[in-house]
Amino acid sequence: MPPIDQWVAFEPLAGSPVAIAALLLAALYLRGAIWMWRHGRRWAIARTASFLIGCALIFAVTTFGVNRLATESITALVFQQITLLTVVPPLLIAGSPGRLLLRSTPHTGLGRLVLRAAHAGLRSPFWSAALHPVVAIVTAMLLYPVLYLTDAISVVMRVPFGHDALLFVVLVLGVVAATPLWSSDPLPRVPSFAARFVDIAVEIQIHAVFGLILLRTSTPLFSAYANPAGGHDPILDQAIAGALVWTYAELPLFVVLIVCLSRWRAREVRTSRQRQKVEDAELDSYNEYLASLSRGRNRS
């Protein structure tokens, strides 16, 4: 694996267009947050910080030395992919960009068109289908076992701008897959907690199997990385990538699993209390009815 100083070296000329997109997103979000604060409307600083940290991570993994090393080290590429697929999306989604868009966009001029597009998206069958829990499972399959174990990743990395396109696709699919699990914004589809639990459990298994294959395989799996320019051991590089999948990629999934289970339990407790209140009210009403009957017999 390349030395750590090469990973953190700032190389703006080696940056991806995704890094520019991250700066643009951060600027647009800050504009909306500042507009809310100037007009005396509440907008949580924690949400703002979460979104900006997500944008900063996008910029870092697509601009620093790791972006250049991703063309010669599978560990660097997997690190980029895990960050954009599983670490960044929850941070962006926790910032509630959709809610900020609806609250801070003016209702005149261009703002009206933006709001119409946003409301159309909420009613769109396409986005409703895209937010189905199965999409997250399919995304994990395509971006790990299918992309890597067929060595399609070597083809992608050899195509001009293939690396940049891969980073963009990974980020978009990561956000789409994570939205039903993390979002508190209005959505065209809200999956059940049972569906979310199954989704997370399957994704964890996909990561575990893929990471184990990388760790245990004693021959190079990827032709584009079989003879690295840096002269490092491709088998060791491959094994380290597998260790990243087992640890770095799994941790966010375990976090969202805990969050999902806690929210599920909280909803069940709330529903149980509401049901108990209704049953208690019905019982009180019935007891009052029996008491009125008893008073009637006593009068007679």
Foldseek 3Di string as FASTA:
>chain_A
DDDPVLLQAFAQVQAFVQLVVLVVVLVVQVVLVVLCVVVPHDADPQLNVLQNVLSVLSNRLRGGSLVVCVLAFVLSLLVLLLCLQQVSLLSNQSSVPLVSLCPRQDCDDPSVVVVVVSVCQLQDPVLQVLLQLVLLLVLLCCVFCVCQQVLVVLVLSPDVCSSSVVSVVSNVSSNSNCCLLRHPYRHSDRDDLVSVLVSLVSSLVSLLVRLVCLQPDPAQSHPSHNCGPVRDHRSVSSNSSSVCSNPVNSVSSVVSNVVSVVVNVVVVVVVVVVVVVVVVVVVVVVVVVVVVVVVVVVVD
